[in-house]
Amino acid sequence: MYDLPANIDFVLNKTGKPQVVYVGHSQGTEQFWISNILRNDIGPKINAMAAFAPVMSVAHANSPAINFLFKFGIDKILVKLFDSILVLRPGSNLMNDLVLEIAPRAIELMPRTVWMFVQTIVGIDDVSHMLPSRMPMMAKNDVGGTGIVNMKHWIQIIKTKKFAPL
């Protein structure tokens, strides 16, 4: 509702152009489509959109960790505690240390083990498309944050197998 329009407006203001080409990856494609549904002022600002690995459904997700959480009702507890679990106190360097220091070292030492851990969370594919040698770079550059509402929305999508407002 707010981030994507603000980013588009920033680029338009910076470049002075009337439109942008939007490139979204995974959840960035979802954010684009939702923004266009919720706001009438987005469409006229877009010349073209490229969707890489678009995601609108996780109906066939096979995450052992997520399935475990749902099976034992732990997801309900986590939803209630998201505000206190996921929020780091101001000035905390925990996430920075984890992403920039600990994760790349763990990946360099045991790339297959780390990849197996990641698959436990995101799901398991029969064929791996991952190059273990690239994982340290990805750990430093591909990790992003999320919001509590986003996490609640994904839980809803996984449980109902439908993309719908909260």
N, C-alpha and C. Protein backbone atom coordinates (compact mmCIF):
# COMPACT_ATOMS: atom_id res chain seq x y z
N MET A 1 0.82 -1.20 0.00
CA MET A 1 0.00 0.00 0.00
C MET A 1 0.86 1.27 0.00
N TYR A 2 1.99 1.22 0.73
CA TYR A 2 2.80 2.44 0.86
C TYR A 2 4.21 2.33 0.27
N ASP A 3 4.88 1.19 0.51
CA ASP A 3 6.29 1.08 0.10
C ASP A 3 6.48 1.14 -1.41
N LEU A 4 5.74 0.33 -2.13
CA LEU A 4 5.93 0.29 -3.58
C LEU A 4 5.59 1.63 -4.23
N PRO A 5 4.47 2.25 -3.89
CA PRO A 5 4.20 3.57 -4.48
C PRO A 5 5.28 4.60 -4.12
N ALA A 6 5.78 4.54 -2.89
CA ALA A 6 6.83 5.48 -2.49
C ALA A 6 8.10 5.24 -3.31
N ASN A 7 8.44 3.98 -3.56
CA ASN A 7 9.63 3.67 -4.36
C ASN A 7 9.46 4.14 -5.80
N ILE A 8 8.28 3.89 -6.36
CA ILE A 8 8.03 4.34 -7.75
C ILE A 8 8.12 5.86 -7.83
N ASP A 9 7.48 6.55 -6.88
CA ASP A 9 7.53 8.02 -6.88
C ASP A 9 8.95 8.54 -6.71
N PHE A 10 9.74 7.87 -5.89
CA PHE A 10 11.14 8.27 -5.70
C PHE A 10 11.90 8.21 -7.02
N VAL A 11 11.73 7.10 -7.75
CA VAL A 11 12.43 6.93 -9.03
C VAL A 11 11.94 7.97 -10.04
N LEU A 12 10.63 8.18 -10.09
CA LEU A 12 10.09 9.19 -11.02
C LEU A 12 10.63 10.58 -10.70
N ASN A 13 10.64 10.93 -9.44
CA ASN A 13 11.16 12.24 -9.03
C ASN A 13 12.64 12.38 -9.32
N LYS A 14 13.39 11.31 -9.10
CA LYS A 14 14.85 11.35 -9.31
C LYS A 14 15.21 11.44 -10.79
N THR A 15 14.45 10.70 -11.62
CA THR A 15 14.78 10.65 -13.06
C THR A 15 14.07 11.74 -13.86
N GLY A 16 12.95 12.23 -13.34
CA GLY A 16 12.17 13.21 -14.09
C GLY A 16 11.36 12.59 -15.21
N LYS A 17 11.33 11.28 -15.28
CA LYS A 17 10.57 10.58 -16.33
C LYS A 17 9.11 10.43 -15.90
N PRO A 18 8.20 10.29 -16.86
CA PRO A 18 6.78 10.15 -16.51
C PRO A 18 6.38 8.73 -16.10
N GLN A 19 7.21 7.73 -16.51
CA GLN A 19 6.89 6.34 -16.21
C GLN A 19 8.17 5.56 -15.93
N VAL A 20 8.00 4.41 -15.28
CA VAL A 20 9.11 3.51 -15.00
C VAL A 20 8.80 2.13 -15.56
N VAL A 21 9.85 1.34 -15.70
CA VAL A 21 9.69 -0.08 -15.96
C VAL A 21 9.91 -0.77 -14.63
N TYR A 22 8.91 -1.49 -14.18
CA TYR A 22 8.99 -2.16 -12.88
C TYR A 22 9.49 -3.58 -13.08
N VAL A 23 10.51 -3.96 -12.33
CA VAL A 23 11.03 -5.32 -12.35
C VAL A 23 10.83 -5.88 -10.96
N GLY A 24 10.04 -6.94 -10.86
CA GLY A 24 9.77 -7.56 -9.57
C GLY A 24 10.24 -9.00 -9.55
N HIS A 25 10.70 -9.43 -8.39
CA HIS A 25 11.12 -10.81 -8.20
C HIS A 25 10.33 -11.40 -7.05
N SER A 26 9.74 -12.55 -7.28
CA SER A 26 9.03 -13.29 -6.25
C SER A 26 7.97 -12.42 -5.58
N GLN A 27 8.14 -12.11 -4.32
CA GLN A 27 7.15 -11.33 -3.62
C GLN A 27 7.05 -9.90 -4.14
N GLY A 28 8.08 -9.42 -4.80
CA GLY A 28 8.02 -8.10 -5.42
C GLY A 28 6.99 -8.05 -6.53
N THR A 29 6.70 -9.19 -7.17
CA THR A 29 5.63 -9.23 -8.17
C THR A 29 4.28 -9.14 -7.48
N GLU A 30 4.15 -9.83 -6.38
CA GLU A 30 2.90 -9.80 -5.61
C GLU A 30 2.62 -8.38 -5.13
N GLN A 31 3.64 -7.72 -4.62
CA GLN A 31 3.47 -6.35 -4.13
C GLN A 31 3.01 -5.43 -5.26
N PHE A 32 3.55 -5.63 -6.44
CA PHE A 32 3.16 -4.82 -7.60
C PHE A 32 1.68 -5.00 -7.91
N TRP A 33 1.24 -6.25 -7.99
CA TRP A 33 -0.15 -6.51 -8.34
C TRP A 33 -1.09 -5.98 -7.25
N ILE A 34 -0.74 -6.17 -6.00
CA ILE A 34 -1.60 -5.69 -4.92
C ILE A 34 -1.68 -4.17 -4.96
N SER A 35 -0.56 -3.51 -5.16
CA SER A 35 -0.57 -2.04 -5.23
C SER A 35 -1.48 -1.56 -6.35
N ASN A 36 -1.45 -2.25 -7.47
CA ASN A 36 -2.32 -1.87 -8.59
C ASN A 36 -3.79 -2.10 -8.28
N ILE A 37 -4.09 -3.08 -7.47
CA ILE A 37 -5.48 -3.32 -7.07
C ILE A 37 -5.94 -2.26 -6.08
N LEU A 38 -5.08 -1.93 -5.13
CA LEU A 38 -5.46 -1.01 -4.06
C LEU A 38 -5.38 0.46 -4.42
N ARG A 39 -4.56 0.77 -5.41
CA ARG A 39 -4.33 2.19 -5.74
C ARG A 39 -4.48 2.42 -7.23
N ASN A 40 -5.31 3.37 -7.59
CA ASN A 40 -5.53 3.69 -9.01
C ASN A 40 -4.41 4.52 -9.61
N ASP A 41 -3.55 5.09 -8.80
CA ASP A 41 -2.51 5.98 -9.32
C ASP A 41 -1.23 5.24 -9.73
N ILE A 42 -1.15 3.93 -9.53
CA ILE A 42 0.07 3.19 -9.87
C ILE A 42 0.16 2.91 -11.37
N GLY A 43 -0.89 2.38 -11.96
CA GLY A 43 -0.89 1.98 -13.37
C GLY A 43 -0.37 3.02 -14.34
N PRO A 44 -0.83 4.27 -14.26
CA PRO A 44 -0.35 5.28 -15.19
C PRO A 44 1.15 5.58 -15.08
N LYS A 45 1.77 5.19 -13.98
CA LYS A 45 3.20 5.46 -13.78
C LYS A 45 4.09 4.34 -14.31
N ILE A 46 3.47 3.27 -14.84
CA ILE A 46 4.22 2.09 -15.27
C ILE A 46 4.20 1.97 -16.79
N ASN A 47 5.38 1.87 -17.39
CA ASN A 47 5.51 1.66 -18.83
C ASN A 47 5.41 0.17 -19.14
N ALA A 48 6.09 -0.64 -18.31
CA ALA A 48 6.10 -2.09 -18.48
C ALA A 48 6.46 -2.72 -17.15
N MET A 49 6.14 -4.01 -17.01
CA MET A 49 6.47 -4.75 -15.79
C MET A 49 7.04 -6.09 -16.17
N ALA A 50 8.15 -6.46 -15.56
CA ALA A 50 8.75 -7.78 -15.74
C ALA A 50 8.64 -8.53 -14.42
N ALA A 51 8.04 -9.72 -14.47
CA ALA A 51 7.84 -10.51 -13.27
C ALA A 51 8.76 -11.74 -13.30
N PHE A 52 9.73 -11.76 -12.42
CA PHE A 52 10.65 -12.89 -12.31
C PHE A 52 10.22 -13.75 -11.13
N ALA A 53 9.97 -15.02 -11.38
CA ALA A 53 9.52 -15.96 -10.35
C ALA A 53 8.31 -15.41 -9.61
N PRO A 54 7.26 -15.03 -10.36
CA PRO A 54 6.10 -14.45 -9.70
C PRO A 54 5.45 -15.43 -8.73
N VAL A 55 4.96 -14.91 -7.65
CA VAL A 55 4.33 -15.75 -6.64
C VAL A 55 2.96 -15.18 -6.28
N MET A 56 1.95 -16.00 -6.38
CA MET A 56 0.61 -15.62 -5.94
C MET A 56 -0.02 -16.78 -5.18
N SER A 57 0.62 -17.93 -5.21
CA SER A 57 0.06 -19.09 -4.53
C SER A 57 1.19 -19.92 -3.93
N VAL A 58 0.94 -20.41 -2.76
CA VAL A 58 1.87 -21.36 -2.15
C VAL A 58 1.11 -22.64 -1.81
N ALA A 59 0.09 -22.93 -2.61
CA ALA A 59 -0.77 -24.08 -2.37
C ALA A 59 -0.01 -25.40 -2.40
N HIS A 60 1.10 -25.43 -3.12
CA HIS A 60 1.85 -26.68 -3.24
C HIS A 60 3.17 -26.64 -2.48
N ALA A 61 3.30 -25.70 -1.55
CA ALA A 61 4.52 -25.59 -0.76
C ALA A 61 4.69 -26.86 0.07
N ASN A 62 5.93 -27.27 0.22
CA ASN A 62 6.20 -28.50 0.95
C ASN A 62 7.29 -28.30 2.01
N SER A 63 7.15 -27.27 2.79
CA SER A 63 8.12 -26.96 3.82
C SER A 63 7.90 -27.84 5.05
N PRO A 64 8.88 -28.69 5.39
CA PRO A 64 8.73 -29.49 6.61
C PRO A 64 8.57 -28.63 7.87
N ALA A 65 9.27 -27.52 7.94
CA ALA A 65 9.18 -26.66 9.13
C ALA A 65 7.78 -26.05 9.24
N ILE A 66 7.25 -25.53 8.14
CA ILE A 66 5.92 -24.92 8.16
C ILE A 66 4.86 -25.97 8.45
N ASN A 67 4.97 -27.13 7.82
CA ASN A 67 4.01 -28.20 8.08
C ASN A 67 4.01 -28.61 9.55
N PHE A 68 5.19 -28.66 10.16
CA PHE A 68 5.31 -28.99 11.58
C PHE A 68 4.62 -27.93 12.44
N LEU A 69 4.87 -26.66 12.13
CA LEU A 69 4.24 -25.57 12.88
C LEU A 69 2.72 -25.66 12.83
N PHE A 70 2.18 -25.91 11.64
CA PHE A 70 0.73 -25.98 11.48
C PHE A 70 0.15 -27.21 12.17
N LYS A 71 0.84 -28.34 12.04
CA LYS A 71 0.34 -29.60 12.60
C LYS A 71 0.13 -29.49 14.11
N PHE A 72 1.04 -28.81 14.78
CA PHE A 72 0.97 -28.73 16.24
C PHE A 72 0.45 -27.37 16.74
N GLY A 73 -0.10 -26.53 15.83
CA GLY A 73 -0.70 -25.28 16.23
C GLY A 73 0.29 -24.22 16.69
N ILE A 74 1.57 -24.43 16.42
CA ILE A 74 2.59 -23.47 16.84
C ILE A 74 2.44 -22.16 16.09
N ASP A 75 1.92 -22.22 14.86
CA ASP A 75 1.73 -20.99 14.08
C ASP A 75 0.82 -20.01 14.80
N LYS A 76 -0.20 -20.51 15.49
CA LYS A 76 -1.12 -19.62 16.22
C LYS A 76 -0.39 -18.89 17.34
N ILE A 77 0.50 -19.60 18.01
CA ILE A 77 1.28 -18.99 19.08
C ILE A 77 2.22 -17.94 18.49
N LEU A 78 2.88 -18.28 17.38
CA LEU A 78 3.81 -17.35 16.75
C LEU A 78 3.12 -16.08 16.27
N VAL A 79 1.92 -16.22 15.71
CA VAL A 79 1.19 -15.04 15.24
C VAL A 79 0.94 -14.09 16.41
N LYS A 80 0.59 -14.64 17.56
CA LYS A 80 0.34 -13.80 18.73
C LYS A 80 1.62 -13.15 19.24
N LEU A 81 2.76 -13.82 19.04
CA LEU A 81 4.02 -13.34 19.58
C LEU A 81 4.90 -12.63 18.56
N PHE A 82 4.46 -12.53 17.29
CA PHE A 82 5.29 -11.92 16.25
C PHE A 82 5.86 -10.57 16.67
N ASP A 83 5.00 -9.75 17.27
CA ASP A 83 5.44 -8.40 17.65
C ASP A 83 6.65 -8.42 18.57
N SER A 84 6.70 -9.37 19.49
CA SER A 84 7.81 -9.39 20.43
C SER A 84 8.97 -10.25 19.95
N ILE A 85 8.70 -11.26 19.12
CA ILE A 85 9.76 -12.15 18.64
C ILE A 85 10.58 -11.50 17.53
N LEU A 86 9.90 -10.89 16.57
CA LEU A 86 10.58 -10.42 15.37
C LEU A 86 11.15 -9.01 15.47
N VAL A 87 10.82 -8.30 16.50
CA VAL A 87 11.27 -6.92 16.62
C VAL A 87 12.52 -6.85 17.48
N LEU A 88 13.59 -6.34 16.91
CA LEU A 88 14.83 -6.15 17.66
C LEU A 88 14.84 -4.75 18.25
N ARG A 89 15.42 -4.63 19.39
CA ARG A 89 15.46 -3.30 20.02
C ARG A 89 16.31 -2.35 19.17
N PRO A 90 15.98 -1.07 19.22
CA PRO A 90 16.75 -0.08 18.44
C PRO A 90 18.24 -0.14 18.80
N GLY A 91 19.07 -0.12 17.78
CA GLY A 91 20.51 -0.17 17.98
C GLY A 91 21.08 -1.58 18.05
N SER A 92 20.21 -2.58 18.00
CA SER A 92 20.68 -3.96 18.06
C SER A 92 21.45 -4.31 16.79
N ASN A 93 22.55 -5.01 16.96
CA ASN A 93 23.35 -5.44 15.81
C ASN A 93 23.19 -6.93 15.54
N LEU A 94 22.21 -7.57 16.21
CA LEU A 94 22.04 -9.01 16.07
C LEU A 94 21.82 -9.43 14.62
N MET A 95 20.86 -8.81 13.93
CA MET A 95 20.57 -9.20 12.56
C MET A 95 21.76 -8.90 11.65
N ASN A 96 22.38 -7.76 11.83
CA ASN A 96 23.56 -7.40 11.05
C ASN A 96 24.67 -8.43 11.26
N ASP A 97 24.91 -8.80 12.51
CA ASP A 97 25.95 -9.79 12.80
C ASP A 97 25.61 -11.13 12.18
N LEU A 98 24.35 -11.53 12.29
CA LEU A 98 23.93 -12.82 11.75
C LEU A 98 24.10 -12.85 10.23
N VAL A 99 23.61 -11.81 9.55
CA VAL A 99 23.63 -11.78 8.09
C VAL A 99 25.04 -11.58 7.53
N LEU A 100 25.77 -10.66 8.09
CA LEU A 100 27.07 -10.30 7.51
C LEU A 100 28.24 -11.12 8.04
N GLU A 101 28.12 -11.65 9.23
CA GLU A 101 29.26 -12.35 9.82
C GLU A 101 29.04 -13.86 9.96
N ILE A 102 28.00 -14.24 10.64
CA ILE A 102 27.81 -15.65 10.99
C ILE A 102 27.35 -16.49 9.80
N ALA A 103 26.31 -16.04 9.08
CA ALA A 103 25.76 -16.84 7.98
C ALA A 103 26.79 -17.14 6.89
N PRO A 104 27.54 -16.15 6.40
CA PRO A 104 28.51 -16.48 5.35
C PRO A 104 29.59 -17.48 5.82
N ARG A 105 30.00 -17.38 7.05
CA ARG A 105 31.00 -18.33 7.57
C ARG A 105 30.42 -19.73 7.67
N ALA A 106 29.18 -19.83 8.16
CA ALA A 106 28.54 -21.14 8.26
C ALA A 106 28.37 -21.75 6.87
N ILE A 107 28.00 -20.92 5.90
CA ILE A 107 27.81 -21.41 4.53
C ILE A 107 29.13 -21.89 3.94
N GLU A 108 30.21 -21.16 4.18
CA GLU A 108 31.51 -21.57 3.66
C GLU A 108 31.97 -22.88 4.28
N LEU A 109 31.68 -23.06 5.56
CA LEU A 109 32.10 -24.29 6.26
C LEU A 109 31.25 -25.49 5.88
N MET A 110 29.96 -25.30 5.73
CA MET A 110 29.06 -26.43 5.47
C MET A 110 27.91 -26.03 4.55
N PRO A 111 28.22 -25.78 3.28
CA PRO A 111 27.19 -25.28 2.37
C PRO A 111 26.00 -26.23 2.19
N ARG A 112 26.24 -27.52 2.10
CA ARG A 112 25.13 -28.46 1.90
C ARG A 112 24.22 -28.51 3.14
N THR A 113 24.80 -28.44 4.31
CA THR A 113 24.01 -28.46 5.54
C THR A 113 23.14 -27.21 5.64
N VAL A 114 23.72 -26.07 5.32
CA VAL A 114 22.96 -24.82 5.36
C VAL A 114 21.84 -24.87 4.33
N TRP A 115 22.14 -25.38 3.13
CA TRP A 115 21.11 -25.46 2.10
C TRP A 115 19.99 -26.40 2.53
N MET A 116 20.32 -27.50 3.19
CA MET A 116 19.28 -28.40 3.70
C MET A 116 18.42 -27.69 4.75
N PHE A 117 19.03 -26.86 5.58
CA PHE A 117 18.28 -26.08 6.57
C PHE A 117 17.33 -25.10 5.86
N VAL A 118 17.84 -24.41 4.84
CA VAL A 118 17.01 -23.47 4.08
C VAL A 118 15.83 -24.21 3.46
N GLN A 119 16.08 -25.38 2.87
CA GLN A 119 14.99 -26.15 2.24
C GLN A 119 13.96 -26.60 3.28
N THR A 120 14.38 -26.83 4.50
CA THR A 120 13.43 -27.20 5.55
C THR A 120 12.41 -26.09 5.76
N ILE A 121 12.85 -24.85 5.56
CA ILE A 121 11.96 -23.71 5.75
C ILE A 121 11.16 -23.40 4.48
N VAL A 122 11.84 -23.34 3.33
CA VAL A 122 11.18 -22.88 2.10
C VAL A 122 10.59 -24.01 1.27
N GLY A 123 10.95 -25.25 1.55
CA GLY A 123 10.45 -26.38 0.80
C GLY A 123 11.57 -27.11 0.10
N ILE A 124 11.30 -28.34 -0.23
CA ILE A 124 12.33 -29.21 -0.79
C ILE A 124 12.01 -29.51 -2.25
N ASP A 125 13.00 -29.29 -3.11
CA ASP A 125 12.89 -29.64 -4.52
C ASP A 125 13.68 -30.91 -4.77
N ASP A 126 13.20 -31.70 -5.73
CA ASP A 126 13.94 -32.91 -6.09
C ASP A 126 15.27 -32.58 -6.73
N VAL A 127 15.30 -31.48 -7.47
CA VAL A 127 16.52 -31.06 -8.15
C VAL A 127 16.96 -29.72 -7.56
N SER A 128 18.19 -29.67 -7.12
CA SER A 128 18.70 -28.42 -6.55
C SER A 128 19.22 -27.53 -7.67
N HIS A 129 18.82 -26.28 -7.65
CA HIS A 129 19.27 -25.30 -8.63
C HIS A 129 20.24 -24.33 -7.96
N MET A 130 20.81 -24.77 -6.87
CA MET A 130 21.68 -23.92 -6.06
C MET A 130 23.14 -24.27 -6.29
N LEU A 131 23.95 -23.25 -6.48
CA LEU A 131 25.39 -23.43 -6.55
C LEU A 131 25.95 -23.11 -5.16
N PRO A 132 26.41 -24.11 -4.42
CA PRO A 132 26.91 -23.86 -3.07
C PRO A 132 27.99 -22.77 -3.01
N SER A 133 28.77 -22.64 -4.06
CA SER A 133 29.83 -21.63 -4.07
C SER A 133 29.26 -20.20 -4.07
N ARG A 134 28.00 -20.03 -4.49
CA ARG A 134 27.37 -18.71 -4.54
C ARG A 134 26.64 -18.35 -3.25
N MET A 135 26.47 -19.31 -2.36
CA MET A 135 25.68 -19.08 -1.16
C MET A 135 26.26 -18.01 -0.23
N PRO A 136 27.58 -17.92 -0.01
CA PRO A 136 28.07 -16.83 0.85
C PRO A 136 27.72 -15.44 0.30
N MET A 137 27.82 -15.27 -1.01
CA MET A 137 27.46 -13.99 -1.61
C MET A 137 25.97 -13.71 -1.41
N MET A 138 25.14 -14.73 -1.58
CA MET A 138 23.70 -14.53 -1.40
C MET A 138 23.36 -14.22 0.05
N ALA A 139 24.07 -14.83 0.98
CA ALA A 139 23.81 -14.57 2.39
C ALA A 139 24.06 -13.11 2.72
N LYS A 140 25.01 -12.51 2.05
CA LYS A 140 25.32 -11.10 2.31
C LYS A 140 24.41 -10.15 1.56
N ASN A 141 23.91 -10.56 0.40
CA ASN A 141 23.21 -9.63 -0.48
C ASN A 141 21.73 -9.91 -0.72
N ASP A 142 21.26 -11.09 -0.41
CA ASP A 142 19.90 -11.45 -0.80
C ASP A 142 18.95 -11.53 0.38
N VAL A 143 19.40 -11.22 1.55
CA VAL A 143 18.53 -11.32 2.72
C VAL A 143 17.81 -9.99 2.91
N GLY A 144 16.52 -10.06 3.03
CA GLY A 144 15.73 -8.86 3.26
C GLY A 144 14.83 -9.04 4.46
N GLY A 145 14.28 -7.97 4.92
CA GLY A 145 13.39 -8.04 6.05
C GLY A 145 11.95 -8.25 5.61
N THR A 146 11.09 -8.31 6.58
CA THR A 146 9.67 -8.42 6.31
C THR A 146 8.92 -7.80 7.46
N GLY A 147 7.64 -7.70 7.29
CA GLY A 147 6.80 -7.13 8.34
C GLY A 147 5.89 -8.17 8.95
N ILE A 148 5.34 -7.86 10.09
CA ILE A 148 4.47 -8.78 10.80
C ILE A 148 3.19 -9.05 10.00
N VAL A 149 2.63 -8.02 9.39
CA VAL A 149 1.42 -8.22 8.59
C VAL A 149 1.72 -9.15 7.42
N ASN A 150 2.90 -9.00 6.82
CA ASN A 150 3.31 -9.88 5.72
C ASN A 150 3.38 -11.33 6.18
N MET A 151 3.97 -11.56 7.34
CA MET A 151 4.07 -12.92 7.86
C MET A 151 2.68 -13.51 8.11
N LYS A 152 1.78 -12.72 8.68
CA LYS A 152 0.42 -13.20 8.93
C LYS A 152 -0.29 -13.52 7.61
N HIS A 153 -0.04 -12.69 6.59
CA HIS A 153 -0.66 -12.93 5.29
C HIS A 153 -0.17 -14.23 4.69
N TRP A 154 1.13 -14.50 4.77
CA TRP A 154 1.66 -15.75 4.22
C TRP A 154 1.12 -16.96 4.95
N ILE A 155 0.96 -16.86 6.26
CA ILE A 155 0.37 -17.98 7.00
C ILE A 155 -1.05 -18.23 6.50
N GLN A 156 -1.80 -17.16 6.31
CA GLN A 156 -3.17 -17.30 5.79
C GLN A 156 -3.16 -17.96 4.42
N ILE A 157 -2.27 -17.52 3.53
CA ILE A 157 -2.21 -18.08 2.18
C ILE A 157 -1.87 -19.57 2.22
N ILE A 158 -0.91 -19.93 3.07
CA ILE A 158 -0.51 -21.34 3.17
C ILE A 158 -1.67 -22.18 3.70
N LYS A 159 -2.35 -21.69 4.72
CA LYS A 159 -3.44 -22.46 5.33
C LYS A 159 -4.66 -22.59 4.42
N THR A 160 -5.07 -21.47 3.80
CA THR A 160 -6.29 -21.48 3.00
C THR A 160 -6.06 -21.86 1.55
N LYS A 161 -4.78 -21.79 1.13
CA LYS A 161 -4.40 -22.04 -0.26
C LYS A 161 -5.08 -21.04 -1.20
N LYS A 162 -5.39 -19.84 -0.67
CA LYS A 162 -6.01 -18.78 -1.46
C LYS A 162 -5.30 -17.47 -1.19
N PHE A 163 -5.17 -16.67 -2.23
CA PHE A 163 -4.62 -15.34 -2.09
C PHE A 163 -5.78 -14.40 -1.85
N ALA A 164 -5.85 -13.84 -0.66
CA ALA A 164 -6.95 -12.95 -0.29
C ALA A 164 -6.50 -11.99 0.79
N PRO A 165 -7.20 -10.88 0.93
CA PRO A 165 -6.84 -9.93 2.02
C PRO A 165 -6.97 -10.61 3.37
N LEU A 166 -6.24 -10.08 4.34
CA LEU A 166 -6.34 -10.60 5.71
C LEU A 166 -7.72 -10.35 6.26
